[in-house]
């Protein structure tokens, strides 16, 4: 039985470009939030606005609280004293910790390597296939040699069976005479 269609506005996590986009956003959200907090302390409401502004409207976090609370739990960020925000309201600000700075650097390195790998694959347009094809030819040749050796071993075994059969029938005929 097939899966039921997703009736909500939330995109599927697989099988659509929107789902892929949602997965990628989740994968980089912590890195981007830490990046912003590395620049300056912020309150929760500023973070989605700043991400959306800097991404030209492409990156939007609807509910940043889970990201913030998770990073507080892991001590990547910490609560600061409440202070008056530019809108005149008293807000809870967050700052990145030394542990968060180290984690941000690790995430940036990992993301850079991953992005480079994906870009290399997408730019290859068959180059990798050609390399694999030549490597495959070597494997094929080695496989042919192994197959030849297997055939030769089978032929030797068959000859031995024939010789054994002749010896057995010769012995039997000697007994019958």
N, C-alpha and C. Protein backbone atom coordinates (compact mmCIF):
# COMPACT_ATOMS: atom_id res chain seq x y z
N UNK A 1 0.84 -1.17 0.00
CA UNK A 1 0.00 0.00 0.00
C UNK A 1 0.89 1.24 0.00
N UNK A 2 0.62 2.23 -0.83
CA UNK A 2 1.43 3.43 -0.95
C UNK A 2 1.21 4.40 0.19
N UNK A 3 2.11 5.38 0.27
CA UNK A 3 1.98 6.41 1.29
C UNK A 3 0.84 7.34 0.96
N UNK A 4 0.23 7.86 2.00
CA UNK A 4 -0.84 8.83 1.81
C UNK A 4 -0.21 10.18 1.48
N UNK A 5 -0.89 10.98 0.66
CA UNK A 5 -0.34 12.30 0.33
C UNK A 5 -0.28 13.18 1.57
N UNK A 6 0.64 14.12 1.56
CA UNK A 6 0.81 15.04 2.67
C UNK A 6 -0.23 16.15 2.54
N UNK A 7 -1.26 16.17 3.40
CA UNK A 7 -2.32 17.16 3.26
C UNK A 7 -1.94 18.53 3.79
N UNK A 8 -0.90 18.63 4.60
CA UNK A 8 -0.53 19.92 5.19
C UNK A 8 0.30 20.73 4.21
N UNK A 9 0.60 21.93 4.64
CA UNK A 9 1.44 22.82 3.82
C UNK A 9 2.92 22.48 3.99
N UNK A 10 3.25 21.66 4.96
CA UNK A 10 4.64 21.27 5.19
C UNK A 10 5.09 20.36 4.06
N UNK A 11 6.22 20.71 3.40
CA UNK A 11 6.67 19.86 2.29
C UNK A 11 7.16 18.51 2.79
N UNK A 12 7.01 17.52 1.94
CA UNK A 12 7.56 16.19 2.24
C UNK A 12 9.07 16.33 2.37
N UNK A 13 9.67 15.46 3.14
CA UNK A 13 11.12 15.52 3.31
C UNK A 13 11.85 14.87 2.16
N UNK A 14 11.17 14.09 1.36
CA UNK A 14 11.78 13.43 0.20
C UNK A 14 10.80 13.52 -0.96
N UNK A 15 11.31 13.39 -2.13
CA UNK A 15 10.45 13.31 -3.30
C UNK A 15 10.02 14.63 -3.89
N UNK A 16 10.54 15.74 -3.37
CA UNK A 16 10.20 17.03 -3.96
C UNK A 16 11.34 18.02 -3.70
N UNK A 17 11.41 19.02 -4.54
CA UNK A 17 12.43 20.05 -4.36
C UNK A 17 12.18 20.81 -3.06
N UNK A 18 10.91 21.03 -2.72
CA UNK A 18 10.58 21.72 -1.47
C UNK A 18 11.04 20.90 -0.27
N UNK A 19 10.91 19.60 -0.35
CA UNK A 19 11.37 18.73 0.74
C UNK A 19 12.87 18.77 0.88
N UNK A 20 13.56 18.77 -0.26
CA UNK A 20 15.02 18.85 -0.23
C UNK A 20 15.45 20.19 0.38
N UNK A 21 14.77 21.26 -0.01
CA UNK A 21 15.08 22.58 0.53
C UNK A 21 14.89 22.61 2.04
N UNK A 22 13.81 22.02 2.51
CA UNK A 22 13.52 21.97 3.95
C UNK A 22 14.61 21.20 4.70
N UNK A 23 15.03 20.08 4.14
CA UNK A 23 16.11 19.30 4.76
C UNK A 23 17.42 20.08 4.80
N UNK A 24 17.74 20.78 3.72
CA UNK A 24 18.97 21.56 3.68
C UNK A 24 18.93 22.71 4.68
N UNK A 25 17.78 23.35 4.82
CA UNK A 25 17.63 24.44 5.80
C UNK A 25 17.89 23.92 7.20
N UNK A 26 17.31 22.77 7.51
CA UNK A 26 17.51 22.19 8.84
C UNK A 26 18.97 21.84 9.06
N UNK A 27 19.63 21.38 8.02
CA UNK A 27 21.02 20.96 8.14
C UNK A 27 21.96 22.13 8.40
N UNK A 28 21.67 23.30 7.88
CA UNK A 28 22.58 24.44 8.02
C UNK A 28 22.10 25.49 9.01
N UNK A 29 20.92 25.33 9.56
CA UNK A 29 20.34 26.35 10.45
C UNK A 29 21.24 26.64 11.65
N UNK A 30 21.73 25.61 12.33
CA UNK A 30 22.59 25.84 13.49
C UNK A 30 23.83 26.63 13.10
N UNK A 31 24.44 26.25 11.98
CA UNK A 31 25.65 26.93 11.54
C UNK A 31 25.36 28.41 11.28
N UNK A 32 24.24 28.71 10.62
CA UNK A 32 23.92 30.10 10.30
C UNK A 32 23.57 30.91 11.54
N UNK A 33 22.86 30.31 12.48
CA UNK A 33 22.54 31.01 13.73
C UNK A 33 23.82 31.29 14.50
N UNK A 34 24.69 30.32 14.60
CA UNK A 34 25.97 30.54 15.28
C UNK A 34 26.79 31.62 14.57
N UNK A 35 26.73 31.62 13.25
CA UNK A 35 27.46 32.63 12.48
C UNK A 35 26.98 34.03 12.85
N UNK A 36 25.67 34.22 12.91
CA UNK A 36 25.11 35.52 13.27
C UNK A 36 25.51 35.91 14.69
N UNK A 37 25.41 34.95 15.61
CA UNK A 37 25.74 35.25 17.00
C UNK A 37 27.24 35.46 17.20
N UNK A 38 28.04 34.96 16.28
CA UNK A 38 29.48 35.22 16.34
C UNK A 38 29.76 36.68 16.00
N UNK A 39 28.91 37.27 15.18
CA UNK A 39 29.05 38.68 14.82
C UNK A 39 28.62 39.60 15.96
N UNK A 40 27.49 39.24 16.59
CA UNK A 40 26.98 40.06 17.70
C UNK A 40 25.89 39.30 18.44
N UNK A 41 25.64 39.71 19.67
CA UNK A 41 24.55 39.14 20.45
C UNK A 41 23.23 39.52 19.79
N UNK A 42 22.25 38.61 19.86
CA UNK A 42 20.94 38.87 19.26
C UNK A 42 19.85 38.28 20.14
N UNK A 43 18.64 38.79 19.98
CA UNK A 43 17.50 38.14 20.61
C UNK A 43 16.82 37.26 19.57
N UNK A 44 16.01 36.33 20.02
CA UNK A 44 15.45 35.31 19.13
C UNK A 44 14.72 35.90 17.93
N UNK A 45 13.93 36.93 18.14
CA UNK A 45 13.16 37.52 17.04
C UNK A 45 14.00 38.12 15.94
N UNK A 46 15.21 38.53 16.25
CA UNK A 46 16.10 39.13 15.24
C UNK A 46 16.67 38.09 14.28
N UNK A 47 16.88 36.90 14.77
CA UNK A 47 17.60 35.87 14.01
C UNK A 47 16.90 35.51 12.70
N UNK A 48 15.61 35.14 12.73
CA UNK A 48 14.96 34.81 11.44
C UNK A 48 14.93 35.99 10.48
N UNK A 49 14.71 37.19 11.02
CA UNK A 49 14.67 38.38 10.16
C UNK A 49 16.02 38.61 9.48
N UNK A 50 17.10 38.45 10.25
CA UNK A 50 18.43 38.67 9.70
C UNK A 50 18.79 37.61 8.68
N UNK A 51 18.44 36.35 8.95
CA UNK A 51 18.71 35.28 7.98
C UNK A 51 17.95 35.52 6.68
N UNK A 52 16.70 35.90 6.80
CA UNK A 52 15.89 36.15 5.60
C UNK A 52 16.45 37.35 4.82
N UNK A 53 16.82 38.42 5.53
CA UNK A 53 17.36 39.61 4.87
C UNK A 53 18.65 39.29 4.13
N UNK A 54 19.57 38.60 4.80
CA UNK A 54 20.87 38.31 4.19
C UNK A 54 20.79 37.29 3.07
N UNK A 55 19.78 36.44 3.09
CA UNK A 55 19.65 35.44 2.03
C UNK A 55 18.78 35.93 0.87
N UNK A 56 18.36 37.17 0.93
CA UNK A 56 17.50 37.70 -0.12
C UNK A 56 16.12 37.05 -0.10
N UNK A 57 15.66 36.67 1.09
CA UNK A 57 14.33 36.07 1.23
C UNK A 57 14.28 34.57 1.02
N UNK A 58 15.41 33.95 0.76
CA UNK A 58 15.43 32.51 0.48
C UNK A 58 15.42 31.69 1.76
N UNK A 59 16.19 32.12 2.76
CA UNK A 59 16.30 31.34 4.00
C UNK A 59 15.38 31.94 5.05
N UNK A 60 14.41 31.14 5.47
CA UNK A 60 13.44 31.62 6.45
C UNK A 60 13.22 30.54 7.50
N UNK A 61 13.42 30.89 8.77
CA UNK A 61 13.14 29.98 9.88
C UNK A 61 11.85 30.46 10.54
N UNK A 62 10.88 29.57 10.60
CA UNK A 62 9.60 29.93 11.19
C UNK A 62 9.67 29.88 12.72
N UNK A 63 10.34 28.88 13.26
CA UNK A 63 10.34 28.66 14.70
C UNK A 63 11.78 28.46 15.18
N UNK A 64 12.52 29.55 15.49
CA UNK A 64 13.92 29.42 15.86
C UNK A 64 14.15 28.93 17.29
N UNK A 65 13.09 28.87 18.10
CA UNK A 65 13.25 28.52 19.51
C UNK A 65 13.90 27.15 19.72
N UNK A 66 13.50 26.17 18.94
CA UNK A 66 14.07 24.84 19.13
C UNK A 66 15.57 24.84 18.85
N UNK A 67 16.01 25.60 17.86
CA UNK A 67 17.44 25.70 17.55
C UNK A 67 18.17 26.37 18.70
N UNK A 68 17.62 27.49 19.16
CA UNK A 68 18.25 28.25 20.25
C UNK A 68 18.33 27.41 21.52
N UNK A 69 17.23 26.79 21.90
CA UNK A 69 17.22 26.00 23.14
C UNK A 69 18.17 24.80 23.07
N UNK A 70 18.25 24.17 21.90
CA UNK A 70 19.16 23.04 21.72
C UNK A 70 20.61 23.51 21.85
N UNK A 71 20.92 24.66 21.27
CA UNK A 71 22.30 25.15 21.33
C UNK A 71 22.66 25.65 22.73
N UNK A 72 21.69 26.15 23.48
CA UNK A 72 21.92 26.50 24.88
C UNK A 72 22.22 25.23 25.67
N UNK A 73 21.43 24.19 25.42
CA UNK A 73 21.62 22.91 26.10
C UNK A 73 23.03 22.37 25.88
N UNK A 74 23.55 22.49 24.67
CA UNK A 74 24.90 21.99 24.35
C UNK A 74 26.00 23.01 24.66
N UNK A 75 25.60 24.14 25.23
CA UNK A 75 26.52 25.21 25.65
C UNK A 75 27.27 25.85 24.49
N UNK A 76 26.63 25.88 23.31
CA UNK A 76 27.21 26.59 22.17
C UNK A 76 26.85 28.08 22.23
N UNK A 77 25.74 28.37 22.88
CA UNK A 77 25.34 29.76 23.11
C UNK A 77 24.86 29.87 24.56
N UNK A 78 24.78 31.11 25.05
CA UNK A 78 24.31 31.32 26.41
C UNK A 78 23.42 32.55 26.46
N UNK A 79 22.53 32.53 27.43
CA UNK A 79 21.65 33.68 27.65
C UNK A 79 22.48 34.82 28.23
N UNK A 80 22.18 36.03 27.79
CA UNK A 80 22.78 37.24 28.34
C UNK A 80 21.72 37.92 29.21
N UNK A 81 22.11 38.97 29.86
CA UNK A 81 21.13 39.73 30.63
C UNK A 81 20.12 40.34 29.66
N UNK A 82 18.86 40.40 30.11
CA UNK A 82 17.85 41.05 29.28
C UNK A 82 18.20 42.52 29.15
N UNK A 83 17.92 43.04 27.95
CA UNK A 83 18.17 44.46 27.70
C UNK A 83 17.16 45.00 26.72
N UNK A 84 17.14 46.27 26.57
CA UNK A 84 16.19 46.93 25.68
C UNK A 84 16.66 46.77 24.24
N UNK A 85 15.76 46.23 23.41
CA UNK A 85 16.05 46.02 21.98
C UNK A 85 15.74 47.30 21.22
N UNK A 86 16.16 47.38 19.96
CA UNK A 86 15.87 48.56 19.15
C UNK A 86 14.37 48.91 19.06
N UNK A 87 13.50 47.91 19.25
CA UNK A 87 12.06 48.19 19.19
C UNK A 87 11.52 48.74 20.51
N UNK A 88 12.43 48.95 21.51
CA UNK A 88 12.03 49.53 22.78
C UNK A 88 11.57 48.51 23.83
N UNK A 89 11.48 47.26 23.46
CA UNK A 89 11.03 46.22 24.40
C UNK A 89 12.23 45.55 25.05
N UNK A 90 12.01 45.05 26.25
CA UNK A 90 13.06 44.31 26.95
C UNK A 90 13.11 42.90 26.37
N UNK A 91 14.30 42.47 25.93
CA UNK A 91 14.45 41.19 25.23
C UNK A 91 15.57 40.35 25.85
N UNK A 92 15.42 39.03 25.69
CA UNK A 92 16.45 38.08 26.12
C UNK A 92 17.45 37.93 24.97
N UNK A 93 18.67 38.32 25.20
CA UNK A 93 19.71 38.21 24.19
C UNK A 93 20.52 36.94 24.40
N UNK A 94 21.12 36.46 23.30
CA UNK A 94 21.95 35.27 23.32
C UNK A 94 23.30 35.60 22.72
N UNK A 95 24.35 34.93 23.24
CA UNK A 95 25.71 35.14 22.75
C UNK A 95 26.36 33.78 22.52
N UNK A 96 27.27 33.74 21.58
CA UNK A 96 28.00 32.51 21.30
C UNK A 96 29.08 32.31 22.37
N UNK A 97 29.34 31.07 22.74
CA UNK A 97 30.38 30.73 23.71
C UNK A 97 31.65 30.31 22.97
N UNK A 98 32.73 30.12 23.71
CA UNK A 98 33.97 29.62 23.09
C UNK A 98 33.72 28.24 22.48
N UNK A 99 32.95 27.43 23.18
CA UNK A 99 32.60 26.10 22.66
C UNK A 99 31.80 26.25 21.36
N UNK A 100 30.92 27.23 21.31
CA UNK A 100 30.13 27.50 20.11
C UNK A 100 30.98 27.98 18.95
N UNK A 101 32.00 28.78 19.25
CA UNK A 101 32.90 29.27 18.20
C UNK A 101 33.66 28.08 17.59
N UNK A 102 34.13 27.18 18.44
CA UNK A 102 34.83 25.99 17.94
C UNK A 102 33.89 25.12 17.11
N UNK A 103 32.66 24.96 17.58
CA UNK A 103 31.66 24.17 16.85
C UNK A 103 31.33 24.83 15.51
N UNK A 104 31.20 26.15 15.50
CA UNK A 104 30.93 26.88 14.26
C UNK A 104 32.05 26.64 13.26
N UNK A 105 33.27 26.69 13.70
CA UNK A 105 34.41 26.46 12.79
C UNK A 105 34.36 25.04 12.22
N UNK A 106 34.03 24.09 13.08
CA UNK A 106 33.91 22.68 12.64
C UNK A 106 32.79 22.54 11.61
N UNK A 107 31.65 23.19 11.88
CA UNK A 107 30.52 23.13 10.93
C UNK A 107 30.87 23.77 9.61
N UNK A 108 31.56 24.90 9.65
CA UNK A 108 31.94 25.59 8.40
C UNK A 108 32.88 24.73 7.57
N UNK A 109 33.82 24.08 8.23
CA UNK A 109 34.76 23.20 7.52
C UNK A 109 34.01 22.03 6.89
N UNK A 110 33.17 21.38 7.68
CA UNK A 110 32.39 20.24 7.18
C UNK A 110 31.48 20.66 6.03
N UNK A 111 30.79 21.79 6.20
CA UNK A 111 29.90 22.28 5.15
C UNK A 111 30.69 22.59 3.88
N UNK A 112 31.85 23.23 4.02
CA UNK A 112 32.68 23.55 2.86
C UNK A 112 33.11 22.31 2.10
N UNK A 113 33.54 21.29 2.83
CA UNK A 113 33.95 20.04 2.19
C UNK A 113 32.77 19.37 1.50
N UNK A 114 31.64 19.34 2.18
CA UNK A 114 30.44 18.72 1.62
C UNK A 114 30.01 19.46 0.36
N UNK A 115 29.94 20.80 0.45
CA UNK A 115 29.51 21.61 -0.68
C UNK A 115 30.47 21.43 -1.86
N UNK A 116 31.77 21.38 -1.57
CA UNK A 116 32.76 21.18 -2.63
C UNK A 116 32.57 19.82 -3.31
N UNK A 117 32.32 18.80 -2.51
CA UNK A 117 32.09 17.47 -3.07
C UNK A 117 30.87 17.42 -3.96
N UNK A 118 29.78 18.02 -3.50
CA UNK A 118 28.54 18.06 -4.30
C UNK A 118 28.77 18.84 -5.58
N UNK A 119 29.43 19.98 -5.48
CA UNK A 119 29.71 20.80 -6.66
C UNK A 119 30.59 20.04 -7.65
N UNK A 120 31.58 19.33 -7.16
CA UNK A 120 32.46 18.54 -8.02
C UNK A 120 31.68 17.47 -8.76
N UNK A 121 30.80 16.78 -8.04
CA UNK A 121 29.99 15.74 -8.67
C UNK A 121 29.09 16.34 -9.75
N UNK A 122 28.40 17.43 -9.42
CA UNK A 122 27.47 18.04 -10.38
C UNK A 122 28.18 18.63 -11.59
N UNK A 123 29.44 19.05 -11.41
CA UNK A 123 30.20 19.62 -12.53
C UNK A 123 30.89 18.56 -13.37
N UNK A 124 30.95 17.33 -12.88
CA UNK A 124 31.72 16.29 -13.56
C UNK A 124 31.12 15.85 -14.89
N UNK A 125 29.83 15.79 -15.00
CA UNK A 125 29.12 15.40 -16.22
C UNK A 125 29.80 14.25 -16.97
N UNK A 126 29.99 13.14 -16.30
CA UNK A 126 30.50 11.94 -16.94
C UNK A 126 31.98 11.70 -16.75
N UNK A 127 32.73 12.69 -16.27
CA UNK A 127 34.17 12.50 -16.09
C UNK A 127 34.45 11.35 -15.13
N UNK A 128 33.72 11.32 -14.06
CA UNK A 128 33.92 10.27 -13.06
C UNK A 128 33.59 8.92 -13.66
N UNK A 129 32.57 8.88 -14.50
CA UNK A 129 32.16 7.63 -15.15
C UNK A 129 33.30 7.10 -16.01
N UNK A 130 33.97 7.99 -16.74
CA UNK A 130 35.08 7.56 -17.59
C UNK A 130 36.21 6.99 -16.74
N UNK A 131 36.52 7.63 -15.62
CA UNK A 131 37.56 7.12 -14.74
C UNK A 131 37.14 5.76 -14.19
N UNK A 132 35.89 5.66 -13.80
CA UNK A 132 35.37 4.40 -13.28
C UNK A 132 35.40 3.34 -14.36
N UNK A 133 35.11 3.77 -15.60
CA UNK A 133 35.10 2.82 -16.71
C UNK A 133 36.48 2.22 -16.91
N UNK A 134 37.55 3.07 -16.85
CA UNK A 134 38.90 2.54 -17.02
C UNK A 134 39.29 1.67 -15.84
N UNK A 135 38.89 2.07 -14.64
CA UNK A 135 39.14 1.22 -13.47
C UNK A 135 38.36 -0.07 -13.60
N UNK A 136 37.15 0.04 -14.15
CA UNK A 136 36.32 -1.14 -14.36
C UNK A 136 36.95 -2.09 -15.36
N UNK A 137 37.66 -1.54 -16.36
CA UNK A 137 38.33 -2.39 -17.35
C UNK A 137 39.41 -3.22 -16.68
N UNK A 138 40.15 -2.61 -15.75
CA UNK A 138 41.18 -3.36 -15.02
C UNK A 138 40.54 -4.46 -14.18
N UNK A 139 39.44 -4.11 -13.54
CA UNK A 139 38.72 -5.11 -12.73
C UNK A 139 38.19 -6.21 -13.65
N UNK A 140 37.68 -5.82 -14.82
CA UNK A 140 37.16 -6.79 -15.78
C UNK A 140 38.27 -7.73 -16.23
N UNK A 141 39.47 -7.16 -16.55
CA UNK A 141 40.60 -8.00 -16.97
C UNK A 141 41.00 -8.96 -15.87
N UNK A 142 41.07 -8.45 -14.64
CA UNK A 142 41.42 -9.32 -13.51
C UNK A 142 40.34 -10.39 -13.36
N UNK A 143 39.09 -9.99 -13.57
CA UNK A 143 37.98 -10.93 -13.49
C UNK A 143 38.07 -11.98 -14.57
N UNK A 144 38.48 -11.56 -15.79
CA UNK A 144 38.64 -12.52 -16.89
C UNK A 144 39.73 -13.52 -16.57
N UNK A 145 40.84 -13.05 -16.00
CA UNK A 145 41.94 -13.94 -15.63
C UNK A 145 41.46 -14.93 -14.57
N UNK A 146 40.73 -14.43 -13.60
CA UNK A 146 40.21 -15.30 -12.54
C UNK A 146 39.23 -16.31 -13.13
N UNK A 147 38.41 -15.86 -14.08
CA UNK A 147 37.46 -16.76 -14.73
C UNK A 147 38.20 -17.83 -15.53
N UNK A 148 39.26 -17.42 -16.24
CA UNK A 148 40.07 -18.39 -16.99
C UNK A 148 40.68 -19.43 -16.06
N UNK A 149 41.18 -18.95 -14.91
CA UNK A 149 41.78 -19.87 -13.95
C UNK A 149 40.72 -20.81 -13.39
N UNK A 150 39.51 -20.28 -13.17
CA UNK A 150 38.41 -21.11 -12.67
C UNK A 150 38.04 -22.18 -13.70
N UNK A 151 37.95 -21.76 -14.97
CA UNK A 151 37.62 -22.72 -16.04
C UNK A 151 38.69 -23.81 -16.15
N UNK A 152 39.96 -23.39 -16.04
CA UNK A 152 41.05 -24.35 -16.11
C UNK A 152 40.98 -25.34 -14.94
N UNK A 153 40.69 -24.82 -13.75
CA UNK A 153 40.57 -25.69 -12.57
C UNK A 153 39.41 -26.67 -12.74
N UNK A 154 38.29 -26.18 -13.29
CA UNK A 154 37.14 -27.05 -13.53
C UNK A 154 37.47 -28.13 -14.56
N UNK A 155 38.22 -27.74 -15.61
CA UNK A 155 38.62 -28.71 -16.64
C UNK A 155 39.52 -29.78 -16.03
N UNK A 156 40.47 -29.34 -15.19
CA UNK A 156 41.35 -30.31 -14.52
C UNK A 156 40.54 -31.25 -13.63
N UNK A 157 39.57 -30.71 -12.91
CA UNK A 157 38.74 -31.54 -12.04
C UNK A 157 37.93 -32.54 -12.86
N UNK A 158 37.43 -32.08 -14.02
CA UNK A 158 36.64 -32.97 -14.89
C UNK A 158 37.52 -34.10 -15.43
N UNK A 159 38.75 -33.77 -15.84
CA UNK A 159 39.67 -34.80 -16.33
C UNK A 159 39.96 -35.81 -15.23
N UNK A 160 40.13 -35.31 -14.02
CA UNK A 160 40.41 -36.21 -12.89
C UNK A 160 39.21 -37.13 -12.64
N UNK A 161 37.99 -36.57 -12.75
CA UNK A 161 36.79 -37.40 -12.58
C UNK A 161 36.71 -38.47 -13.66
N UNK A 162 37.03 -38.07 -14.92
CA UNK A 162 37.01 -39.05 -16.01
C UNK A 162 38.03 -40.15 -15.75
N UNK A 163 39.21 -39.76 -15.29
CA UNK A 163 40.26 -40.74 -14.99
C UNK A 163 39.80 -41.65 -13.86
N UNK A 164 39.18 -41.07 -12.85
CA UNK A 164 38.66 -41.87 -11.74
C UNK A 164 37.57 -42.81 -12.22
N UNK A 165 36.69 -42.31 -13.11
CA UNK A 165 35.63 -43.15 -13.66
C UNK A 165 36.23 -44.34 -14.43
N UNK A 166 37.29 -44.09 -15.25
CA UNK A 166 37.91 -45.15 -16.03
C UNK A 166 38.52 -46.18 -15.09
N UNK A 167 39.21 -45.68 -14.05
CA UNK A 167 39.83 -46.60 -13.10
C UNK A 167 38.77 -47.45 -12.40
N UNK A 168 37.66 -46.80 -12.05
CA UNK A 168 36.59 -47.54 -11.38
C UNK A 168 35.99 -48.56 -12.33
N UNK A 169 35.71 -48.15 -13.59
CA UNK A 169 35.11 -49.10 -14.53
C UNK A 169 36.08 -50.21 -14.89
N UNK A 170 37.40 -49.87 -14.97
CA UNK A 170 38.40 -50.90 -15.23
C UNK A 170 38.44 -51.91 -14.11
N UNK A 171 38.40 -51.45 -12.92
CA UNK A 171 38.40 -52.36 -11.77
C UNK A 171 37.14 -53.21 -11.77
N UNK A 172 35.99 -52.56 -12.09
CA UNK A 172 34.75 -53.30 -12.13
C UNK A 172 34.77 -54.36 -13.22
N UNK A 173 35.31 -53.97 -14.40
CA UNK A 173 35.33 -54.95 -15.49
C UNK A 173 36.27 -56.10 -15.15
N UNK A 174 37.34 -55.79 -14.39
CA UNK A 174 38.23 -56.86 -13.97
C UNK A 174 37.53 -57.83 -13.03
N UNK A 175 36.63 -57.27 -12.24
CA UNK A 175 35.90 -58.11 -11.29
C UNK A 175 34.85 -58.94 -12.02
N UNK A 176 34.32 -58.41 -13.09
CA UNK A 176 33.25 -59.10 -13.80
C UNK A 176 33.79 -60.22 -14.68
N UNK A 177 34.99 -60.11 -15.08
CA UNK A 177 35.51 -61.12 -16.02
C UNK A 177 35.83 -62.40 -15.34
